PDB file of N, CA and C in Angstrom:
ATOM      1  N   MET A   1      -0.673 -21.608   3.152  1.00  0.00           N
ATOM      2  CA  MET A   1       0.092 -20.364   3.162  1.00  0.00           C
ATOM      3  C   MET A   1       1.582 -20.657   3.276  1.00  0.00           C
ATOM      4  N   GLY A   2       2.238 -19.977   4.216  1.00  0.00           N
ATOM      5  CA  GLY A   2       3.670 -20.179   4.391  1.00  0.00           C
ATOM      6  C   GLY A   2       3.944 -21.117   5.553  1.00  0.00           C
ATOM      7  N   LEU A   3       5.194 -21.362   5.771  1.00  0.00           N
ATOM      8  CA  LEU A   3       5.604 -22.189   6.895  1.00  0.00           C
ATOM      9  C   LEU A   3       5.454 -21.389   8.184  1.00  0.00           C
ATOM     10  N   PRO A   4       5.333 -22.082   9.312  1.00  0.00           N
ATOM     11  CA  PRO A   4       5.301 -21.342  10.584  1.00  0.00           C
ATOM     12  C   PRO A   4       6.574 -20.515  10.740  1.00  0.00           C
ATOM     13  N   GLY A   5       6.416 -19.270  11.118  1.00  0.00           N
ATOM     14  CA  GLY A   5       7.569 -18.392  11.250  1.00  0.00           C
ATOM     15  C   GLY A   5       7.948 -17.707   9.953  1.00  0.00           C
ATOM     16  N   ASP A   6       7.249 -18.017   8.865  1.00  0.00           N
ATOM     17  CA  ASP A   6       7.502 -17.368   7.585  1.00  0.00           C
ATOM     18  C   ASP A   6       6.992 -15.931   7.678  1.00  0.00           C
ATOM     19  N   ILE A   7       7.890 -14.975   7.517  1.00  0.00           N
ATOM     20  CA  ILE A   7       7.517 -13.574   7.678  1.00  0.00           C
ATOM     21  C   ILE A   7       7.008 -13.026   6.346  1.00  0.00           C
ATOM     22  N   MET A   8       5.779 -12.550   6.369  1.00  0.00           N
ATOM     23  CA  MET A   8       5.227 -11.906   5.192  1.00  0.00           C
ATOM     24  C   MET A   8       5.513 -10.417   5.330  1.00  0.00           C
ATOM     25  N   LEU A   9       6.419  -9.911   4.510  1.00  0.00           N
ATOM     26  CA  LEU A   9       6.819  -8.522   4.655  1.00  0.00           C
ATOM     27  C   LEU A   9       5.718  -7.569   4.204  1.00  0.00           C
ATOM     28  N   TYR A  10       5.233  -7.765   2.983  1.00  0.00           N
ATOM     29  CA  TYR A  10       4.223  -6.859   2.440  1.00  0.00           C
ATOM     30  C   TYR A  10       3.108  -7.664   1.800  1.00  0.00           C
ATOM     31  N   ARG A  11       1.900  -7.121   1.877  1.00  0.00           N
ATOM     32  CA  ARG A  11       0.721  -7.712   1.250  1.00  0.00           C
ATOM     33  C   ARG A  11       0.240  -6.787   0.143  1.00  0.00           C
ATOM     34  N   CYS A  12      -0.241  -7.372  -0.937  1.00  0.00           N
ATOM     35  CA  CYS A  12      -0.759  -6.601  -2.060  1.00  0.00           C
ATOM     36  C   CYS A  12      -2.012  -5.833  -1.633  1.00  0.00           C
ATOM     37  N   PRO A  13      -2.077  -4.529  -1.947  1.00  0.00           N
ATOM     38  CA  PRO A  13      -3.269  -3.764  -1.580  1.00  0.00           C
ATOM     39  C   PRO A  13      -4.497  -4.149  -2.408  1.00  0.00           C
ATOM     40  N   LEU A  14      -4.302  -4.812  -3.533  1.00  0.00           N
ATOM     41  CA  LEU A  14      -5.435  -5.181  -4.399  1.00  0.00           C
ATOM     42  C   LEU A  14      -6.022  -6.534  -4.032  1.00  0.00           C
ATOM     43  N   CYS A  15      -5.159  -7.549  -3.872  1.00  0.00           N
ATOM     44  CA  CYS A  15      -5.691  -8.906  -3.682  1.00  0.00           C
ATOM     45  C   CYS A  15      -5.204  -9.583  -2.405  1.00  0.00           C
ATOM     46  N   GLU A  16      -4.405  -8.868  -1.587  1.00  0.00           N
ATOM     47  CA  GLU A  16      -3.872  -9.408  -0.337  1.00  0.00           C
ATOM     48  C   GLU A  16      -2.846 -10.521  -0.567  1.00  0.00           C
ATOM     49  N   GLY A  17      -2.343 -10.647  -1.804  1.00  0.00           N
ATOM     50  CA  GLY A  17      -1.318 -11.647  -2.092  1.00  0.00           C
ATOM     51  C   GLY A  17       0.034 -11.221  -1.543  1.00  0.00           C
ATOM     52  N   LYS A  18       0.981 -12.135  -1.601  1.00  0.00           N
ATOM     53  CA  LYS A  18       2.327 -11.872  -1.089  1.00  0.00           C
ATOM     54  C   LYS A  18       3.120 -11.033  -2.087  1.00  0.00           C
ATOM     55  N   MET A  19       3.796 -10.005  -1.568  1.00  0.00           N
ATOM     56  CA  MET A  19       4.645  -9.163  -2.404  1.00  0.00           C
ATOM     57  C   MET A  19       6.092  -9.641  -2.276  1.00  0.00           C
ATOM     58  N   ASN A  20       6.722  -9.954  -3.389  1.00  0.00           N
ATOM     59  CA  ASN A  20       8.119 -10.353  -3.410  1.00  0.00           C
ATOM     60  C   ASN A  20       8.975  -9.239  -3.985  1.00  0.00           C
ATOM     61  N   ARG A  21      10.225  -9.169  -3.511  1.00  0.00           N
ATOM     62  CA  ARG A  21      11.145  -8.171  -4.067  1.00  0.00           C
ATOM     63  C   ARG A  21      11.325  -8.469  -5.549  1.00  0.00           C
ATOM     64  N   TRP A  22      11.114  -7.469  -6.377  1.00  0.00           N
ATOM     65  CA  TRP A  22      11.119  -7.663  -7.816  1.00  0.00           C
ATOM     66  C   TRP A  22      12.380  -7.086  -8.444  1.00  0.00           C
ATOM     67  N   ARG A  23      12.611  -5.786  -8.226  1.00  0.00           N
ATOM     68  CA  ARG A  23      13.799  -5.160  -8.793  1.00  0.00           C
ATOM     69  C   ARG A  23      14.062  -3.843  -8.079  1.00  0.00           C
ATOM     70  N   TYR A  24      15.254  -3.331  -8.314  1.00  0.00           N
ATOM     71  CA  TYR A  24      15.608  -2.029  -7.769  1.00  0.00           C
ATOM     72  C   TYR A  24      15.260  -0.967  -8.795  1.00  0.00           C
ATOM     73  N   PRO A  25      14.766   0.186  -8.357  1.00  0.00           N
ATOM     74  CA  PRO A  25      14.445   1.253  -9.314  1.00  0.00           C
ATOM     75  C   PRO A  25      15.700   1.713 -10.057  1.00  0.00           C
ATOM     76  N   ALA A  26      15.518   2.211 -11.263  1.00  0.00           N
ATOM     77  CA  ALA A  26      16.644   2.704 -12.070  1.00  0.00           C
ATOM     78  C   ALA A  26      17.345   3.856 -11.353  1.00  0.00           C
ATOM     79  N   ILE A  27      16.550   4.706 -10.722  1.00  0.00           N
ATOM     80  CA  ILE A  27      17.094   5.819  -9.944  1.00  0.00           C
ATOM     81  C   ILE A  27      16.938   5.463  -8.470  1.00  0.00           C
ATOM     82  N   LYS A  28      18.049   5.440  -7.737  1.00  0.00           N
ATOM     83  CA  LYS A  28      17.969   5.086  -6.320  1.00  0.00           C
ATOM     84  C   LYS A  28      17.133   6.106  -5.578  1.00  0.00           C
ATOM     85  N   ARG A  29      16.170   5.609  -4.825  1.00  0.00           N
ATOM     86  CA  ARG A  29      15.305   6.477  -4.042  1.00  0.00           C
ATOM     87  C   ARG A  29      15.274   5.971  -2.611  1.00  0.00           C
ATOM     88  N   GLN A  30      15.011   6.885  -1.690  1.00  0.00           N
ATOM     89  CA  GLN A  30      14.926   6.532  -0.284  1.00  0.00           C
ATOM     90  C   GLN A  30      13.662   7.140   0.306  1.00  0.00           C
ATOM     91  N   ASP A  31      13.162   6.474   1.362  1.00  0.00           N
ATOM     92  CA  ASP A  31      12.023   7.063   2.062  1.00  0.00           C
ATOM     93  C   ASP A  31      12.538   8.101   3.064  1.00  0.00           C
ATOM     94  N   ASN A  32      11.632   8.698   3.828  1.00  0.00           N
ATOM     95  CA  ASN A  32      12.058   9.768   4.733  1.00  0.00           C
ATOM     96  C   ASN A  32      12.842   9.268   5.937  1.00  0.00           C
ATOM     97  N   PHE A  33      13.030   7.946   6.070  1.00  0.00           N
ATOM     98  CA  PHE A  33      13.888   7.397   7.116  1.00  0.00           C
ATOM     99  C   PHE A  33      15.241   6.971   6.560  1.00  0.00           C
ATOM    100  N   GLY A  34      15.474   7.238   5.258  1.00  0.00           N
ATOM    101  CA  GLY A  34      16.753   6.905   4.648  1.00  0.00           C
ATOM    102  C   GLY A  34      16.876   5.460   4.199  1.00  0.00           C
ATOM    103  N   ARG A  35      15.765   4.715   4.167  1.00  0.00           N
ATOM    104  CA  ARG A  35      15.813   3.316   3.717  1.00  0.00           C
ATOM    105  C   ARG A  35      15.697   3.261   2.200  1.00  0.00           C
ATOM    106  N   GLN A  36      16.453   2.363   1.603  1.00  0.00           N
ATOM    107  CA  GLN A  36      16.419   2.158   0.161  1.00  0.00           C
ATOM    108  C   GLN A  36      15.031   1.672  -0.260  1.00  0.00           C
ATOM    109  N   LEU A  37      14.457   2.288  -1.298  1.00  0.00           N
ATOM    110  CA  LEU A  37      13.155   1.841  -1.801  1.00  0.00           C
ATOM    111  C   LEU A  37      13.361   0.809  -2.904  1.00  0.00           C
ATOM    112  N   VAL A  38      12.561  -0.231  -2.862  1.00  0.00           N
ATOM    113  CA  VAL A  38      12.657  -1.343  -3.805  1.00  0.00           C
ATOM    114  C   VAL A  38      11.270  -1.600  -4.382  1.00  0.00           C
ATOM    115  N   ILE A  39      11.228  -2.015  -5.634  1.00  0.00           N
ATOM    116  CA  ILE A  39       9.947  -2.343  -6.268  1.00  0.00           C
ATOM    117  C   ILE A  39       9.605  -3.799  -5.950  1.00  0.00           C
ATOM    118  N   TYR A  40       8.448  -3.987  -5.345  1.00  0.00           N
ATOM    119  CA  TYR A  40       7.931  -5.318  -5.026  1.00  0.00           C
ATOM    120  C   TYR A  40       6.811  -5.649  -5.996  1.00  0.00           C
ATOM    121  N   LYS A  41       6.663  -6.952  -6.305  1.00  0.00           N
ATOM    122  CA  LYS A  41       5.616  -7.402  -7.220  1.00  0.00           C
ATOM    123  C   LYS A  41       4.810  -8.513  -6.553  1.00  0.00           C
ATOM    124  N   CYS A  42       3.488  -8.435  -6.699  1.00  0.00           N
ATOM    125  CA  CYS A  42       2.601  -9.440  -6.111  1.00  0.00           C
ATOM    126  C   CYS A  42       2.702 -10.752  -6.888  1.00  0.00           C
ATOM    127  N   VAL A  43       2.848 -11.864  -6.158  1.00  0.00           N
ATOM    128  CA  VAL A  43       2.940 -13.163  -6.821  1.00  0.00           C
ATOM    129  C   VAL A  43       1.583 -13.632  -7.333  1.00  0.00           C
ATOM    130  N   GLU A  44       0.494 -13.035  -6.821  1.00  0.00           N
ATOM    131  CA  GLU A  44      -0.848 -13.460  -7.224  1.00  0.00           C
ATOM    132  C   GLU A  44      -1.345 -12.710  -8.465  1.00  0.00           C
ATOM    133  N   CYS A  45      -1.337 -11.364  -8.411  1.00  0.00           N
ATOM    134  CA  CYS A  45      -1.964 -10.597  -9.487  1.00  0.00           C
ATOM    135  C   CYS A  45      -0.986  -9.767 -10.316  1.00  0.00           C
ATOM    136  N   GLY A  46       0.283  -9.689  -9.895  1.00  0.00           N
ATOM    137  CA  GLY A  46       1.272  -8.959 -10.681  1.00  0.00           C
ATOM    138  C   GLY A  46       1.323  -7.464 -10.399  1.00  0.00           C
ATOM    139  N   ASN A  47       0.547  -7.004  -9.420  1.00  0.00           N
ATOM    140  CA  ASN A  47       0.586  -5.588  -9.050  1.00  0.00           C
ATOM    141  C   ASN A  47       1.970  -5.229  -8.513  1.00  0.00           C
ATOM    142  N   GLU A  48       2.479  -4.055  -8.893  1.00  0.00           N
ATOM    143  CA  GLU A  48       3.778  -3.612  -8.399  1.00  0.00           C
ATOM    144  C   GLU A  48       3.608  -2.433  -7.462  1.00  0.00           C
ATOM    145  N   GLY A  49       4.493  -2.378  -6.464  1.00  0.00           N
ATOM    146  CA  GLY A  49       4.486  -1.269  -5.522  1.00  0.00           C
ATOM    147  C   GLY A  49       5.895  -1.012  -5.024  1.00  0.00           C
ATOM    148  N   THR A  50       6.144   0.207  -4.560  1.00  0.00           N
ATOM    149  CA  THR A  50       7.459   0.573  -4.061  1.00  0.00           C
ATOM    150  C   THR A  50       7.418   0.646  -2.549  1.00  0.00           C
ATOM    151  N   TYR A  51       8.291  -0.125  -1.910  1.00  0.00           N
ATOM    152  CA  TYR A  51       8.329  -0.211  -0.452  1.00  0.00           C
ATOM    153  C   TYR A  51       9.764  -0.165   0.028  1.00  0.00           C
ATOM    154  N   PRO A  52      10.004   0.216   1.295  1.00  0.00           N
ATOM    155  CA  PRO A  52      11.374   0.194   1.824  1.00  0.00           C
ATOM    156  C   PRO A  52      11.913  -1.230   1.861  1.00  0.00           C
ATOM    157  N   ASP A  53      13.188  -1.373   1.545  1.00  0.00           N
ATOM    158  CA  ASP A  53      13.863  -2.672   1.594  1.00  0.00           C
ATOM    159  C   ASP A  53      14.126  -3.025   3.045  1.00  0.00           C
ATOM    160  N   ILE A  54      13.727  -4.227   3.457  1.00  0.00           N
ATOM    161  CA  ILE A  54      13.935  -4.645   4.840  1.00  0.00           C
ATOM    162  C   ILE A  54      14.914  -5.803   4.870  1.00  0.00           C
TER     163      ILE A  54
END
């Protein structure tokens, strides 16, 4: 897996793979806490999801 202390921010809901920051949406969107939403992509299966940027 990762190194000790390696923080896994998001896991893929399909295959449990690691989600990496992929790109910013064309239209800036925020969640209900005012955090910028970013599109993450799974390194294992390629699934994309939108999550708050941390």
